[in-house]
Amino acid sequence: MNNAIYALSEKYQKFCSLIKHGDGIVALTLRLYLVPIFWMAGTNKLAHFQQTVEWFGNTDWGLGLPFPTLLATLATSAEILGAILLALGLLTRLISIPLIITMLVAIVTVHLPNGWQAIADPNAPFASAQVIASSEKLEKARQILEIYGNYDWLTSSGSFVILNNGIEFAVTYLVMLLALIVLGGGRYLSFDYWVKHFFLK
């Protein structure tokens, strides 16, 4: 029995040793998933920078943050530079830190009041009162569109949903960034790896 367990353990260790050379693929997929998200967020802020500053600072309809110009500049820069560096796998651990801070600020100031769900689904776990109430509103909207609109054409690109804008996506990106702090850019498939390999021996 002990010999069988030992043999199985040896095979498992060999398997782990073999697949570790592919761990760079995991980091690469995380990086490439996050690149368009941060690029779009950053370039959108840059294209509408004055509106972004106003949204950051306004206490009536915005986030009511102090130093809105500075914070908008930092968020925009972190997202654009972050997208570029993540694409290259360069300074991956370092750039993940300001991106994590950006996600934490977004979670606390923008998404947290809306609960967990990004898309309202009253049947999902953790459905808030706001999400549960969305079911009736969505059904009413469907009825109106079926009567007064070409419903089949309107839904041919996908179903209508209510955007709840909860923390779900932001937390997902945060978890991915935390993983990149541990993984770095990834073996073989990042500038981080080759810089360390050739210059930091």
C-alpha atoms as a PDB file:
ATOM      1  CA  MET A   1       0.000   0.000   0.000  1.00  0.00           C
ATOM      2  CA  ASN A   2       2.785   2.399   0.987  1.00  0.00           C
ATOM      3  CA  ASN A   3       4.683   1.579  -2.205  1.00  0.00           C
ATOM      4  CA  ALA A   4       1.598   2.359  -4.296  1.00  0.00           C
ATOM      5  CA  ILE A   5       1.129   5.707  -2.554  1.00  0.00           C
ATOM      6  CA  TYR A   6       4.809   6.535  -2.985  1.00  0.00           C
ATOM      7  CA  ALA A   7       4.700   5.635  -6.706  1.00  0.00           C
ATOM      8  CA  LEU A   8       1.568   7.750  -7.183  1.00  0.00           C
ATOM      9  CA  SER A   9       3.216  10.659  -5.343  1.00  0.00           C
ATOM     10  CA  GLU A  10       6.296  10.391  -7.560  1.00  0.00           C
ATOM     11  CA  LYS A  11       4.174  10.447 -10.713  1.00  0.00           C
ATOM     12  CA  TYR A  12       2.305  13.485  -9.419  1.00  0.00           C
ATOM     13  CA  GLN A  13       5.566  15.306  -8.668  1.00  0.00           C
ATOM     14  CA  LYS A  14       6.861  14.533 -12.166  1.00  0.00           C
ATOM     15  CA  PHE A  15       3.617  15.816 -13.637  1.00  0.00           C
ATOM     16  CA  CYS A  16       3.876  19.066 -11.610  1.00  0.00           C
ATOM     17  CA  SER A  17       7.515  19.460 -12.661  1.00  0.00           C
ATOM     18  CA  LEU A  18       6.540  18.988 -16.291  1.00  0.00           C
ATOM     19  CA  ILE A  19       3.638  21.458 -16.385  1.00  0.00           C
ATOM     20  CA  LYS A  20       5.480  24.218 -14.495  1.00  0.00           C
ATOM     21  CA  HIS A  21       7.147  25.190 -17.768  1.00  0.00           C
ATOM     22  CA  GLY A  22       3.696  26.217 -19.015  1.00  0.00           C
ATOM     23  CA  ASP A  23       2.959  28.499 -16.084  1.00  0.00           C
ATOM     24  CA  GLY A  24       3.794  31.495 -18.265  1.00  0.00           C
ATOM     25  CA  ILE A  25       0.671  30.750 -20.302  1.00  0.00           C
ATOM     26  CA  VAL A  26      -1.471  31.385 -17.223  1.00  0.00           C
ATOM     27  CA  ALA A  27       0.124  34.784 -16.617  1.00  0.00           C
ATOM     28  CA  LEU A  28      -0.142  35.597 -20.323  1.00  0.00           C
ATOM     29  CA  THR A  29      -3.863  34.836 -20.434  1.00  0.00           C
ATOM     30  CA  LEU A  30      -4.497  36.999 -17.364  1.00  0.00           C
ATOM     31  CA  ARG A  31      -2.494  39.848 -18.867  1.00  0.00           C
ATOM     32  CA  LEU A  32      -4.148  39.660 -22.274  1.00  0.00           C
ATOM     33  CA  TYR A  33      -7.600  39.498 -20.694  1.00  0.00           C
ATOM     34  CA  LEU A  34      -6.938  42.692 -18.723  1.00  0.00           C
ATOM     35  CA  VAL A  35      -5.228  44.678 -21.512  1.00  0.00           C
ATOM     36  CA  PRO A  36      -8.357  45.732 -23.472  1.00  0.00           C
ATOM     37  CA  ILE A  37     -10.284  46.437 -20.279  1.00  0.00           C
ATOM     38  CA  PHE A  38      -7.744  48.927 -18.941  1.00  0.00           C
ATOM     39  CA  TRP A  39      -6.934  50.336 -22.384  1.00  0.00           C
ATOM     40  CA  MET A  40     -10.590  51.131 -23.071  1.00  0.00           C
ATOM     41  CA  ALA A  41     -11.134  52.549 -19.588  1.00  0.00           C
ATOM     42  CA  GLY A  42      -8.021  54.737 -19.754  1.00  0.00           C
ATOM     43  CA  THR A  43      -8.441  56.012 -23.318  1.00  0.00           C
ATOM     44  CA  ASN A  44     -12.114  56.778 -22.645  1.00  0.00           C
ATOM     45  CA  LYS A  45     -11.137  58.847 -19.614  1.00  0.00           C
ATOM     46  CA  LEU A  46      -8.468  60.606 -21.681  1.00  0.00           C
ATOM     47  CA  ALA A  47     -10.861  61.357 -24.552  1.00  0.00           C
ATOM     48  CA  HIS A  48     -13.354  62.908 -22.116  1.00  0.00           C
ATOM     49  CA  PHE A  49     -10.860  64.114 -19.544  1.00  0.00           C
ATOM     50  CA  GLN A  50     -12.683  67.264 -18.413  1.00  0.00           C
ATOM     51  CA  GLN A  51     -15.912  65.299 -17.904  1.00  0.00           C
ATOM     52  CA  THR A  52     -13.909  62.692 -15.982  1.00  0.00           C
ATOM     53  CA  VAL A  53     -12.503  65.383 -13.687  1.00  0.00           C
ATOM     54  CA  GLU A  54     -15.990  66.801 -13.117  1.00  0.00           C
ATOM     55  CA  TRP A  55     -17.380  63.332 -12.384  1.00  0.00           C
ATOM     56  CA  PHE A  56     -14.562  62.602  -9.926  1.00  0.00           C
ATOM     57  CA  GLY A  57     -15.095  65.865  -8.067  1.00  0.00           C
ATOM     58  CA  ASN A  58     -18.813  66.635  -8.201  1.00  0.00           C
ATOM     59  CA  THR A  59     -20.608  65.904  -4.938  1.00  0.00           C
ATOM     60  CA  ASP A  60     -24.137  66.010  -6.402  1.00  0.00           C
ATOM     61  CA  TRP A  61     -23.960  63.557  -9.319  1.00  0.00           C
ATOM     62  CA  GLY A  62     -20.319  62.411  -9.218  1.00  0.00           C
ATOM     63  CA  LEU A  63     -17.969  60.640  -6.851  1.00  0.00           C
ATOM     64  CA  GLY A  64     -17.192  63.660  -4.671  1.00  0.00           C
ATOM     65  CA  LEU A  65     -13.483  62.846  -4.486  1.00  0.00           C
ATOM     66  CA  PRO A  66     -10.883  65.405  -3.342  1.00  0.00           C
ATOM     67  CA  PHE A  67      -8.248  66.621  -5.823  1.00  0.00           C
ATOM     68  CA  PRO A  68     -10.281  65.413  -8.830  1.00  0.00           C
ATOM     69  CA  THR A  69      -7.787  66.588 -11.481  1.00  0.00           C
ATOM     70  CA  LEU A  70      -4.911  64.780  -9.788  1.00  0.00           C
ATOM     71  CA  LEU A  71      -6.911  61.596  -9.207  1.00  0.00           C
ATOM     72  CA  ALA A  72      -8.299  61.597 -12.741  1.00  0.00           C
ATOM     73  CA  THR A  73      -4.766  62.020 -14.106  1.00  0.00           C
ATOM     74  CA  LEU A  74      -3.445  59.177 -11.942  1.00  0.00           C
ATOM     75  CA  ALA A  75      -6.314  56.831 -12.841  1.00  0.00           C
ATOM     76  CA  THR A  76      -6.046  57.597 -16.563  1.00  0.00           C
ATOM     77  CA  SER A  77      -2.269  57.192 -16.578  1.00  0.00           C
ATOM     78  CA  ALA A  78      -2.369  53.961 -14.559  1.00  0.00           C
ATOM     79  CA  GLU A  79      -4.919  52.395 -16.905  1.00  0.00           C
ATOM     80  CA  ILE A  80      -3.247  53.383 -20.187  1.00  0.00           C
ATOM     81  CA  LEU A  81       0.304  52.645 -19.030  1.00  0.00           C
ATOM     82  CA  GLY A  82      -0.966  49.524 -17.293  1.00  0.00           C
ATOM     83  CA  ALA A  83      -2.513  48.199 -20.508  1.00  0.00           C
ATOM     84  CA  ILE A  84       0.743  48.751 -22.408  1.00  0.00           C
ATOM     85  CA  LEU A  85       2.970  47.166 -19.753  1.00  0.00           C
ATOM     86  CA  LEU A  86       0.628  44.216 -19.248  1.00  0.00           C
ATOM     87  CA  ALA A  87       0.610  43.604 -23.003  1.00  0.00           C
ATOM     88  CA  LEU A  88       4.403  43.498 -22.961  1.00  0.00           C
ATOM     89  CA  GLY A  89       4.689  41.630 -19.684  1.00  0.00           C
ATOM     90  CA  LEU A  90       7.052  44.355 -18.502  1.00  0.00           C
ATOM     91  CA  LEU A  91       7.155  45.487 -14.848  1.00  0.00           C
ATOM     92  CA  THR A  92       4.060  43.345 -14.376  1.00  0.00           C
ATOM     93  CA  ARG A  93       4.183  43.154 -10.590  1.00  0.00           C
ATOM     94  CA  LEU A  94       4.935  46.863 -10.247  1.00  0.00           C
ATOM     95  CA  ILE A  95       2.168  48.121 -12.555  1.00  0.00           C
ATOM     96  CA  SER A  96      -0.339  45.767 -10.931  1.00  0.00           C
ATOM     97  CA  ILE A  97      -0.123  47.824  -7.718  1.00  0.00           C
ATOM     98  CA  PRO A  98      -1.582  51.125  -9.046  1.00  0.00           C
ATOM     99  CA  LEU A  99      -4.140  49.126 -11.041  1.00  0.00           C
ATOM    100  CA  ILE A 100      -5.190  47.346  -7.842  1.00  0.00           C
ATOM    101  CA  ILE A 101      -5.533  50.724  -6.113  1.00  0.00           C
ATOM    102  CA  THR A 102      -7.636  51.975  -9.043  1.00  0.00           C
ATOM    103  CA  MET A 103      -9.889  48.922  -8.745  1.00  0.00           C
ATOM    104  CA  LEU A 104     -10.259  49.359  -4.979  1.00  0.00           C
ATOM    105  CA  VAL A 105     -11.250  53.007  -5.415  1.00  0.00           C
ATOM    106  CA  ALA A 106     -13.745  52.024  -8.134  1.00  0.00           C
ATOM    107  CA  ILE A 107     -15.205  49.273  -5.946  1.00  0.00           C
ATOM    108  CA  VAL A 108     -15.681  51.536  -2.930  1.00  0.00           C
ATOM    109  CA  THR A 109     -16.818  54.734  -4.662  1.00  0.00           C
ATOM    110  CA  VAL A 110     -18.749  53.481  -7.700  1.00  0.00           C
ATOM    111  CA  HIS A 111     -19.858  49.855  -7.468  1.00  0.00           C
ATOM    112  CA  LEU A 112     -20.278  48.916  -3.790  1.00  0.00           C
ATOM    113  CA  PRO A 113     -23.628  50.701  -3.254  1.00  0.00           C
ATOM    114  CA  ASN A 114     -25.091  48.486  -6.003  1.00  0.00           C
ATOM    115  CA  GLY A 115     -24.163  45.187  -4.361  1.00  0.00           C
ATOM    116  CA  TRP A 116     -22.457  42.259  -6.070  1.00  0.00           C
ATOM    117  CA  GLN A 117     -24.046  41.784  -9.486  1.00  0.00           C
ATOM    118  CA  ALA A 118     -22.893  43.660 -12.568  1.00  0.00           C
ATOM    119  CA  ILE A 119     -25.977  42.550 -14.541  1.00  0.00           C
ATOM    120  CA  ALA A 120     -29.227  42.397 -12.571  1.00  0.00           C
ATOM    121  CA  ASP A 121     -30.470  38.816 -12.156  1.00  0.00           C
ATOM    122  CA  PRO A 122     -33.131  38.398  -9.450  1.00  0.00           C
ATOM    123  CA  ASN A 123     -32.631  34.604  -9.426  1.00  0.00           C
ATOM    124  CA  ALA A 124     -28.906  34.768  -8.673  1.00  0.00           C
ATOM    125  CA  PRO A 125     -27.404  34.427  -5.182  1.00  0.00           C
ATOM    126  CA  PHE A 126     -26.764  37.687  -3.314  1.00  0.00           C
ATOM    127  CA  ALA A 127     -29.526  39.487  -5.242  1.00  0.00           C
ATOM    128  CA  SER A 128     -30.097  42.828  -3.517  1.00  0.00           C
ATOM    129  CA  ALA A 129     -33.482  44.551  -3.169  1.00  0.00           C
ATOM    130  CA  GLN A 130     -32.478  46.764  -6.097  1.00  0.00           C
ATOM    131  CA  VAL A 131     -31.797  43.706  -8.276  1.00  0.00           C
ATOM    132  CA  ILE A 132     -35.023  41.955  -7.225  1.00  0.00           C
ATOM    133  CA  ALA A 133     -37.001  45.094  -8.085  1.00  0.00           C
ATOM    134  CA  SER A 134     -35.406  45.195 -11.543  1.00  0.00           C
ATOM    135  CA  SER A 135     -37.346  42.098 -12.644  1.00  0.00           C
ATOM    136  CA  GLU A 136     -40.681  43.905 -12.761  1.00  0.00           C
ATOM    137  CA  LYS A 137     -39.163  46.904 -14.553  1.00  0.00           C
ATOM    138  CA  LEU A 138     -37.469  44.735 -17.180  1.00  0.00           C
ATOM    139  CA  GLU A 139     -40.691  42.837 -17.831  1.00  0.00           C
ATOM    140  CA  LYS A 140     -42.591  46.126 -18.238  1.00  0.00           C
ATOM    141  CA  ALA A 141     -39.937  47.367 -20.689  1.00  0.00           C
ATOM    142  CA  ARG A 142     -40.297  44.125 -22.687  1.00  0.00           C
ATOM    143  CA  GLN A 143     -44.063  44.552 -22.880  1.00  0.00           C
ATOM    144  CA  ILE A 144     -43.714  48.121 -24.143  1.00  0.00           C
ATOM    145  CA  LEU A 145     -41.159  47.089 -26.760  1.00  0.00           C
ATOM    146  CA  GLU A 146     -43.268  44.144 -27.922  1.00  0.00           C
ATOM    147  CA  ILE A 147     -46.236  46.473 -28.454  1.00  0.00           C
ATOM    148  CA  TYR A 148     -44.521  49.566 -29.846  1.00  0.00           C
ATOM    149  CA  GLY A 149     -41.233  48.279 -31.258  1.00  0.00           C
ATOM    150  CA  ASN A 150     -39.896  45.544 -33.501  1.00  0.00           C
ATOM    151  CA  TYR A 151     -38.958  43.317 -30.560  1.00  0.00           C
ATOM    152  CA  ASP A 152     -37.399  40.511 -32.625  1.00  0.00           C
ATOM    153  CA  TRP A 153     -35.112  42.987 -34.387  1.00  0.00           C
ATOM    154  CA  LEU A 154     -34.280  44.839 -31.177  1.00  0.00           C
ATOM    155  CA  THR A 155     -33.214  41.610 -29.461  1.00  0.00           C
ATOM    156  CA  SER A 156     -31.464  40.049 -32.464  1.00  0.00           C
ATOM    157  CA  SER A 157     -28.072  41.154 -31.081  1.00  0.00           C
ATOM    158  CA  GLY A 158     -28.807  39.861 -27.580  1.00  0.00           C
ATOM    159  CA  SER A 159     -31.297  40.008 -24.745  1.00  0.00           C
ATOM    160  CA  PHE A 160     -32.151  43.215 -22.953  1.00  0.00           C
ATOM    161  CA  VAL A 161     -30.747  43.408 -19.436  1.00  0.00           C
ATOM    162  CA  ILE A 162     -30.603  45.914 -16.604  1.00  0.00           C
ATOM    163  CA  LEU A 163     -27.105  47.059 -15.742  1.00  0.00           C
ATOM    164  CA  ASN A 164     -26.807  46.880 -11.972  1.00  0.00           C
ATOM    165  CA  ASN A 165     -23.152  48.029 -11.964  1.00  0.00           C
ATOM    166  CA  GLY A 166     -22.224  46.083  -8.845  1.00  0.00           C
ATOM    167  CA  ILE A 167     -18.737  45.070  -7.754  1.00  0.00           C
ATOM    168  CA  GLU A 168     -18.657  41.729  -9.645  1.00  0.00           C
ATOM    169  CA  PHE A 169     -16.425  42.719 -12.581  1.00  0.00           C
ATOM    170  CA  ALA A 170     -14.188  45.069 -10.581  1.00  0.00           C
ATOM    171  CA  VAL A 171     -13.537  42.346  -7.987  1.00  0.00           C
ATOM    172  CA  THR A 172     -12.770  39.866 -10.784  1.00  0.00           C
ATOM    173  CA  TYR A 173     -10.161  42.237 -12.226  1.00  0.00           C
ATOM    174  CA  LEU A 174      -8.776  42.838  -8.732  1.00  0.00           C
ATOM    175  CA  VAL A 175      -8.323  39.101  -8.139  1.00  0.00           C
ATOM    176  CA  MET A 176      -6.587  38.728 -11.523  1.00  0.00           C
ATOM    177  CA  LEU A 177      -4.198  41.570 -10.665  1.00  0.00           C
ATOM    178  CA  LEU A 178      -3.418  39.985  -7.287  1.00  0.00           C
ATOM    179  CA  ALA A 179      -2.572  36.768  -9.133  1.00  0.00           C
ATOM    180  CA  LEU A 180      -0.223  38.709 -11.422  1.00  0.00           C
ATOM    181  CA  ILE A 181       1.626  40.135  -8.410  1.00  0.00           C
ATOM    182  CA  VAL A 182       2.421  36.534  -7.461  1.00  0.00           C
ATOM    183  CA  LEU A 183       2.993  35.191 -10.990  1.00  0.00           C
ATOM    184  CA  GLY A 184       4.693  38.207 -12.537  1.00  0.00           C
ATOM    185  CA  GLY A 185       4.745  38.470 -16.323  1.00  0.00           C
ATOM    186  CA  GLY A 186       5.175  34.742 -16.733  1.00  0.00           C
ATOM    187  CA  ARG A 187       7.912  32.350 -17.796  1.00  0.00           C
ATOM    188  CA  TYR A 188       9.152  32.654 -21.420  1.00  0.00           C
ATOM    189  CA  LEU A 189       6.239  34.845 -22.594  1.00  0.00           C
ATOM    190  CA  SER A 190       7.061  38.209 -21.035  1.00  0.00           C
ATOM    191  CA  PHE A 191       9.724  40.888 -21.134  1.00  0.00           C
ATOM    192  CA  ASP A 192      10.031  40.472 -17.353  1.00  0.00           C
ATOM    193  CA  TYR A 193      11.296  36.931 -17.801  1.00  0.00           C
ATOM    194  CA  TRP A 194      13.885  37.767 -20.447  1.00  0.00           C
ATOM    195  CA  VAL A 195      15.113  40.921 -18.665  1.00  0.00           C
ATOM    196  CA  LYS A 196      15.695  38.840 -15.547  1.00  0.00           C
ATOM    197  CA  HIS A 197      17.211  35.998 -17.612  1.00  0.00           C
ATOM    198  CA  PHE A 198      19.759  38.151 -19.448  1.00  0.00           C
ATOM    199  CA  PHE A 199      20.399  41.182 -17.230  1.00  0.00           C
ATOM    200  CA  LEU A 200      19.581  40.300 -13.622  1.00  0.00           C
ATOM    201  CA  LYS A 201      21.367  36.980 -13.167  1.00  0.00           C
END
